[in-house]
Amino acid sequence: MSPWLKSSWQSVLESLQSASPPHAWCLTHTSAVIADSLTDHLAHSLLCDAPRKGEPCGECVSCRIPDPHPDILALGPEGAAGMIKIDAVREAIEVAYTTASMAGRRVMIVRPADCLNQAASNALLKVVEEPPSGTVFIFQTAVPGKLLPTLLSRLRMVKVPVPTRQILEKTAQSLGINGEDLLLTDALLAEPMALQTAPERVGLARDVLDALVRIRFGEDSQVVLKPFGKVDMLTASTVMERVCDQLIRAQFQQSSQDPITAALSAPYPTVRLLYQYKERVAEVRTQAQAGIAVNSGLALGSLFAAWAFIWTRVPR
């Protein structure tokens, strides 16, 4: 678990050790923070046979079962629309009323919860209010406003803070990582620890940013595309969305010292053009998240060409 998630985990622990622990949680965070490890840690703590001060022991049968854990029901977006469908919710609810594989608790993770459509939300409402014995729900979302108010009212809310630059720099020092590399990785992927856990994703993220910078300063998008072979479009689209978000944010702030705006100097495309571009990126990202096969060459080429176009609209 990332160091900046520890304060949120302490809040969770206090509730877990209370006289009436919640049976339904909602972990909320900004899009700039990846909170998956916090959600997963909570789930494994709930399923542990012998937790130590609320922490999973790491030694019991439940802790040693490799993922996917049989007693974790995971609900996530499916299909091109990227929604959590009513059929999947109904199936999960049906399983929740059966005996857990380990004869203990069962955990239902809804992530990202803002992908629930109206019908799916309504289906969950009753079961969250009157859950099957031993079932605990964990909702995770960066957009809590999209959840039904009646559903939110039944959840224990835990807000995950955005890590400060000081925390990131201290973390980099403790891990022996270059601080600027950590900040850049956080800016591009919102996963600073990927430097250690997924260096290949960090490498691709840097390559995509470099390509966007070269196109921004006039290089032909198809020439820039040539070195790219088959790439992970989820990572590539994540970087493009993060770049758009930062350029939009920069236009509402007096100053910005982040690595993205340092690489892509002003003036920037208008907020309207950046949002339009981000919508195109989101289509690719949704498909990649849903496991739909994406021709990365065509997708990347199209997005690079669109990126080149929006910069032609910027006054010189």
Protein backbone atom coordinates (compact mmCIF):
# COMPACT_ATOMS: atom_id res chain seq x y z
CA MET A 1 0.00 0.00 0.00
CA SER A 2 1.36 3.45 -0.94
CA PRO A 3 2.49 5.54 2.07
CA TRP A 4 -0.06 8.29 1.31
CA LEU A 5 -2.90 5.78 1.76
CA LYS A 6 -1.89 4.98 5.34
CA SER A 7 -3.95 7.81 6.92
CA SER A 8 -7.08 6.55 5.15
CA TRP A 9 -6.29 3.01 6.29
CA GLN A 10 -6.04 4.18 9.90
CA SER A 11 -9.52 5.66 9.55
CA VAL A 12 -10.75 2.32 8.20
CA LEU A 13 -9.07 0.43 11.06
CA GLU A 14 -10.80 2.57 13.68
CA SER A 15 -14.18 1.70 12.16
CA LEU A 16 -13.28 -1.99 11.83
CA GLN A 17 -12.36 -2.15 15.52
CA SER A 18 -15.47 -0.30 16.68
CA ALA A 19 -18.41 -1.97 18.42
CA SER A 20 -20.45 -1.88 15.19
CA PRO A 21 -18.16 -2.23 12.16
CA PRO A 22 -19.76 -1.10 8.88
CA HIS A 23 -21.07 -3.68 6.44
CA ALA A 24 -20.82 -1.28 3.49
CA TRP A 25 -17.97 1.10 2.63
CA CYS A 26 -17.33 3.75 0.01
CA LEU A 27 -13.73 4.79 -0.62
CA THR A 28 -13.69 8.10 -2.50
CA HIS A 29 -10.67 9.66 -4.14
CA THR A 30 -9.83 12.13 -6.87
CA SER A 31 -8.93 10.89 -10.33
CA ALA A 32 -5.35 11.86 -9.47
CA VAL A 33 -5.10 9.11 -6.83
CA ILE A 34 -5.12 5.35 -7.37
CA ALA A 35 -6.80 3.76 -4.34
CA ASP A 36 -7.11 0.16 -5.57
CA SER A 37 -4.52 -1.13 -3.11
CA LEU A 38 -6.50 0.34 -0.20
CA THR A 39 -9.69 -1.37 -1.38
CA ASP A 40 -7.89 -4.69 -1.87
CA HIS A 41 -6.19 -4.44 1.54
CA LEU A 42 -9.53 -3.87 3.23
CA ALA A 43 -11.06 -6.84 1.41
CA HIS A 44 -8.26 -9.18 2.44
CA SER A 45 -8.40 -7.93 6.03
CA LEU A 46 -12.11 -8.76 6.16
CA LEU A 47 -11.48 -12.27 4.80
CA CYS A 48 -8.43 -13.06 6.96
CA ASP A 49 -8.98 -15.90 9.45
CA ALA A 50 -6.72 -14.36 12.09
CA PRO A 51 -6.24 -10.61 11.51
CA ARG A 52 -3.61 -8.91 13.66
CA LYS A 53 -4.86 -5.55 14.89
CA GLY A 54 -7.05 -5.38 11.83
CA GLU A 55 -4.25 -6.26 9.40
CA PRO A 56 -4.33 -9.47 7.32
CA CYS A 57 -1.99 -12.03 8.88
CA GLY A 58 -0.56 -13.20 5.56
CA GLU A 59 -0.31 -16.77 6.86
CA CYS A 60 -3.82 -18.23 7.06
CA VAL A 61 -5.43 -20.23 4.25
CA SER A 62 -7.48 -17.25 3.12
CA CYS A 63 -4.45 -14.92 2.96
CA ARG A 64 -2.42 -17.46 0.97
CA ILE A 65 -5.07 -18.03 -1.70
CA PRO A 66 -3.88 -16.42 -4.95
CA ASP A 67 -6.11 -13.84 -6.61
CA PRO A 68 -8.86 -13.96 -7.62
CA HIS A 69 -10.02 -14.90 -4.12
CA PRO A 70 -13.15 -17.11 -4.30
CA ASP A 71 -14.92 -15.03 -1.67
CA ILE A 72 -14.38 -11.68 -3.41
CA LEU A 73 -17.14 -10.77 -5.85
CA ALA A 74 -15.77 -8.08 -8.16
CA LEU A 75 -18.14 -5.88 -10.15
CA GLY A 76 -16.57 -3.69 -12.82
CA PRO A 77 -17.42 -2.05 -16.16
CA GLU A 78 -18.12 -4.23 -19.17
CA GLY A 79 -18.61 -3.75 -22.88
CA ALA A 80 -18.01 -0.74 -25.09
CA ALA A 81 -20.25 1.43 -22.91
CA GLY A 82 -18.03 0.77 -19.89
CA MET A 83 -20.96 0.27 -17.48
CA ILE A 84 -21.59 -2.14 -14.60
CA LYS A 85 -24.57 -4.04 -15.93
CA ILE A 86 -27.70 -5.11 -14.11
CA ASP A 87 -27.21 -8.77 -15.09
CA ALA A 88 -23.77 -8.87 -13.46
CA VAL A 89 -25.18 -7.25 -10.31
CA ARG A 90 -28.04 -9.74 -10.09
CA GLU A 91 -25.64 -12.65 -10.53
CA ALA A 92 -23.35 -11.31 -7.79
CA ILE A 93 -26.29 -10.80 -5.43
CA GLU A 94 -27.42 -14.37 -6.03
CA VAL A 95 -23.94 -15.65 -5.17
CA ALA A 96 -23.85 -13.43 -2.07
CA TYR A 97 -26.78 -15.38 -0.61
CA THR A 98 -24.88 -18.67 -0.85
CA THR A 99 -22.34 -19.96 1.68
CA ALA A 100 -18.87 -18.47 1.29
CA SER A 101 -16.14 -20.80 0.00
CA MET A 102 -14.13 -20.42 3.20
CA ALA A 103 -17.29 -20.53 5.35
CA GLY A 104 -16.55 -17.02 6.58
CA ARG A 105 -17.21 -13.59 5.12
CA ARG A 106 -17.79 -12.67 1.52
CA VAL A 107 -16.76 -9.28 0.09
CA MET A 108 -18.38 -7.57 -2.89
CA ILE A 109 -16.18 -4.92 -4.53
CA VAL A 110 -17.88 -2.40 -6.83
CA ARG A 111 -15.14 -0.53 -8.70
CA PRO A 112 -15.45 2.08 -10.11
CA ALA A 113 -18.88 2.51 -8.55
CA ASP A 114 -19.69 5.52 -10.75
CA CYS A 115 -20.04 3.05 -13.65
CA LEU A 116 -23.24 1.65 -12.12
CA ASN A 117 -26.24 2.42 -14.29
CA GLN A 118 -29.61 3.30 -12.74
CA ALA A 119 -30.98 -0.25 -12.82
CA ALA A 120 -27.80 -1.72 -11.31
CA SER A 121 -27.78 0.90 -8.55
CA ASN A 122 -31.39 0.16 -7.66
CA ALA A 123 -30.68 -3.57 -7.57
CA LEU A 124 -27.86 -3.01 -5.07
CA LEU A 125 -29.84 -0.63 -2.90
CA LYS A 126 -31.94 -3.24 -1.10
CA VAL A 127 -29.15 -5.79 -0.62
CA VAL A 128 -26.84 -3.11 0.83
CA GLU A 129 -29.58 -2.05 3.24
CA GLU A 130 -30.30 -5.65 4.30
CA PRO A 131 -27.16 -7.63 3.39
CA PRO A 132 -26.82 -11.42 3.50
CA SER A 133 -25.16 -12.60 6.69
CA GLY A 134 -21.38 -12.13 6.50
CA THR A 135 -21.37 -10.08 3.30
CA VAL A 136 -19.49 -6.76 3.24
CA PHE A 137 -19.63 -4.26 0.38
CA ILE A 138 -16.79 -2.00 -0.73
CA PHE A 139 -17.60 0.71 -3.26
CA GLN A 140 -14.74 2.71 -4.77
CA THR A 141 -15.21 5.85 -6.85
CA ALA A 142 -13.62 9.09 -7.96
CA VAL A 143 -17.09 10.51 -8.70
CA PRO A 144 -19.34 9.91 -5.65
CA GLY A 145 -21.85 12.42 -7.03
CA LYS A 146 -22.84 9.85 -9.67
CA LEU A 147 -24.07 7.39 -7.04
CA LEU A 148 -27.68 7.38 -5.90
CA PRO A 149 -28.03 9.54 -2.76
CA THR A 150 -30.10 6.75 -1.19
CA LEU A 151 -27.22 4.34 -1.80
CA LEU A 152 -24.56 6.74 -0.51
CA SER A 153 -26.53 7.24 2.70
CA ARG A 154 -26.05 3.55 3.51
CA LEU A 155 -22.26 3.57 3.08
CA ARG A 156 -19.42 4.43 5.46
CA MET A 157 -17.52 7.10 3.54
CA VAL A 158 -13.72 7.20 3.60
CA LYS A 159 -12.02 10.04 1.73
CA VAL A 160 -8.57 9.31 0.32
CA PRO A 161 -6.36 12.44 0.31
CA VAL A 162 -4.14 13.57 -2.55
CA PRO A 163 -0.46 13.05 -1.63
CA THR A 164 1.48 16.28 -1.24
CA ARG A 165 4.70 16.93 -3.12
CA GLN A 166 6.54 16.71 0.20
CA ILE A 167 5.15 13.20 0.86
CA LEU A 168 6.13 12.06 -2.63
CA GLU A 169 9.65 13.46 -2.24
CA LYS A 170 10.05 11.83 1.19
CA THR A 171 8.82 8.52 -0.24
CA ALA A 172 11.28 8.77 -3.13
CA GLN A 173 14.13 9.39 -0.69
CA SER A 174 13.17 6.43 1.50
CA LEU A 175 13.00 4.12 -1.54
CA GLY A 176 16.17 5.40 -3.14
CA ILE A 177 14.25 6.66 -6.19
CA ASN A 178 14.93 9.90 -8.03
CA GLY A 179 12.36 12.42 -6.80
CA GLU A 180 11.76 13.94 -10.23
CA ASP A 181 11.13 10.48 -11.69
CA LEU A 182 8.59 9.79 -8.96
CA LEU A 183 6.80 13.09 -9.59
CA LEU A 184 6.71 12.47 -13.34
CA THR A 185 5.34 8.95 -12.87
CA ASP A 186 2.69 10.26 -10.51
CA ALA A 187 1.78 13.00 -13.01
CA LEU A 188 1.47 10.59 -15.95
CA LEU A 189 -0.08 7.51 -14.34
CA ALA A 190 -1.20 8.55 -10.83
CA GLU A 191 0.82 5.49 -9.78
CA PRO A 192 4.19 6.71 -8.50
CA MET A 193 5.03 3.26 -7.15
CA ALA A 194 4.89 1.92 -10.72
CA LEU A 195 8.60 2.82 -10.87
CA GLN A 196 9.13 -0.31 -8.80
CA THR A 197 6.08 -2.41 -9.64
CA ALA A 198 5.64 -1.79 -13.39
CA PRO A 199 8.75 -0.21 -14.96
CA GLU A 200 7.58 -1.19 -18.45
CA ARG A 201 4.44 0.92 -18.01
CA VAL A 202 6.54 3.84 -16.81
CA GLY A 203 8.73 3.52 -19.89
CA LEU A 204 5.70 3.57 -22.20
CA ALA A 205 4.23 6.53 -20.31
CA ARG A 206 7.41 8.53 -20.85
CA ASP A 207 7.51 7.56 -24.54
CA VAL A 208 3.92 8.74 -25.01
CA LEU A 209 4.63 12.07 -23.30
CA ASP A 210 7.74 12.52 -25.43
CA ALA A 211 5.67 11.84 -28.56
CA LEU A 212 3.03 14.38 -27.51
CA VAL A 213 5.74 16.98 -26.89
CA ARG A 214 7.38 16.36 -30.28
CA ILE A 215 4.03 16.65 -32.06
CA ARG A 216 3.18 19.80 -30.09
CA PHE A 217 6.41 21.41 -31.40
CA GLY A 218 5.69 20.56 -35.02
CA GLU A 219 6.93 17.04 -35.81
CA ASP A 220 4.71 15.00 -38.13
CA SER A 221 2.43 12.74 -36.08
CA GLN A 222 2.91 9.75 -38.38
CA VAL A 223 6.70 10.06 -38.16
CA VAL A 224 6.45 10.17 -34.37
CA LEU A 225 4.20 7.08 -34.46
CA LYS A 226 6.68 4.86 -36.35
CA PRO A 227 8.82 3.67 -33.38
CA PHE A 228 5.72 2.49 -31.54
CA GLY A 229 4.81 -1.16 -32.06
CA LYS A 230 1.97 -2.92 -30.30
CA VAL A 231 1.45 -1.02 -27.06
CA ASP A 232 -0.75 -1.18 -23.97
CA MET A 233 -3.50 1.26 -24.92
CA LEU A 234 -4.80 1.46 -21.35
CA THR A 235 -1.48 2.93 -20.25
CA ALA A 236 -1.17 5.16 -23.34
CA SER A 237 -4.72 6.51 -23.01
CA THR A 238 -4.22 7.09 -19.28
CA VAL A 239 -1.22 9.29 -20.04
CA MET A 240 -3.14 11.25 -22.68
CA GLU A 241 -6.06 11.85 -20.31
CA ARG A 242 -3.69 12.97 -17.55
CA VAL A 243 -1.94 15.37 -19.94
CA CYS A 244 -5.28 16.88 -20.99
CA ASP A 245 -6.40 17.23 -17.37
CA GLN A 246 -3.22 19.04 -16.43
CA LEU A 247 -3.35 21.43 -19.39
CA ILE A 248 -6.98 22.22 -18.56
CA ARG A 249 -6.10 22.77 -14.90
CA ALA A 250 -3.18 25.00 -15.83
CA GLN A 251 -5.52 27.42 -17.57
CA PHE A 252 -7.36 28.03 -14.30
CA GLN A 253 -4.27 28.43 -12.12
CA GLN A 254 -1.87 31.33 -11.83
CA SER A 255 1.19 29.11 -11.93
CA SER A 256 1.97 25.46 -12.44
CA GLN A 257 5.24 23.66 -11.76
CA ASP A 258 4.26 20.10 -12.69
CA PRO A 259 6.35 18.02 -15.15
CA ILE A 260 3.63 17.99 -17.84
CA THR A 261 3.24 21.76 -18.22
CA ALA A 262 7.00 22.09 -17.97
CA ALA A 263 7.32 19.87 -21.06
CA LEU A 264 4.36 21.35 -22.96
CA SER A 265 4.84 25.10 -22.74
CA ALA A 266 1.99 27.60 -23.10
CA PRO A 267 -0.03 28.74 -24.93
CA TYR A 268 -2.26 25.67 -24.85
CA PRO A 269 -5.29 24.57 -26.86
CA THR A 270 -8.56 25.91 -25.48
CA VAL A 271 -10.36 24.05 -22.72
CA ARG A 272 -13.10 23.16 -25.21
CA LEU A 273 -10.63 21.56 -27.64
CA LEU A 274 -8.89 19.69 -24.82
CA TYR A 275 -12.20 18.28 -23.58
CA GLN A 276 -13.11 17.21 -27.11
CA TYR A 277 -9.76 15.46 -27.45
CA LYS A 278 -10.15 13.86 -24.04
CA GLU A 279 -13.51 12.41 -25.14
CA ARG A 280 -11.77 10.65 -28.05
CA VAL A 281 -9.13 9.30 -25.69
CA ALA A 282 -11.83 8.14 -23.25
CA GLU A 283 -13.45 6.00 -25.98
CA VAL A 284 -10.20 4.09 -26.44
CA ARG A 285 -9.60 3.87 -22.69
CA THR A 286 -13.10 2.48 -22.07
CA GLN A 287 -12.55 -0.25 -24.66
CA ALA A 288 -9.15 -1.13 -23.19
CA GLN A 289 -10.59 -1.26 -19.65
CA ALA A 290 -13.36 -3.58 -20.81
CA GLY A 291 -10.85 -5.96 -22.38
CA ILE A 292 -11.98 -5.22 -25.92
CA ALA A 293 -9.21 -5.84 -28.46
CA VAL A 294 -7.88 -2.50 -29.69
CA ASN A 295 -5.64 -2.11 -32.74
CA SER A 296 -3.03 -0.02 -30.98
CA GLY A 297 -1.38 1.17 -34.20
CA LEU A 298 -4.61 2.57 -35.59
CA ALA A 299 -5.79 3.93 -32.24
CA LEU A 300 -2.47 5.61 -31.42
CA GLY A 301 -2.13 6.99 -34.95
CA SER A 302 -5.62 8.49 -34.81
CA LEU A 303 -5.03 10.06 -31.40
CA PHE A 304 -1.64 11.45 -32.41
CA ALA A 305 -3.19 12.98 -35.53
CA ALA A 306 -6.00 14.55 -33.48
CA TRP A 307 -3.40 15.88 -31.02
CA ALA A 308 -1.53 17.52 -33.89
CA PHE A 309 -4.75 19.10 -35.14
CA ILE A 310 -5.73 20.78 -31.86
CA TRP A 311 -2.30 22.42 -31.68
CA THR A 312 -2.83 23.95 -35.12
CA ARG A 313 -5.67 25.92 -33.54
CA VAL A 314 -3.33 27.55 -31.02
CA PRO A 315 -2.26 31.11 -32.00
CA ARG A 316 1.47 31.41 -32.64
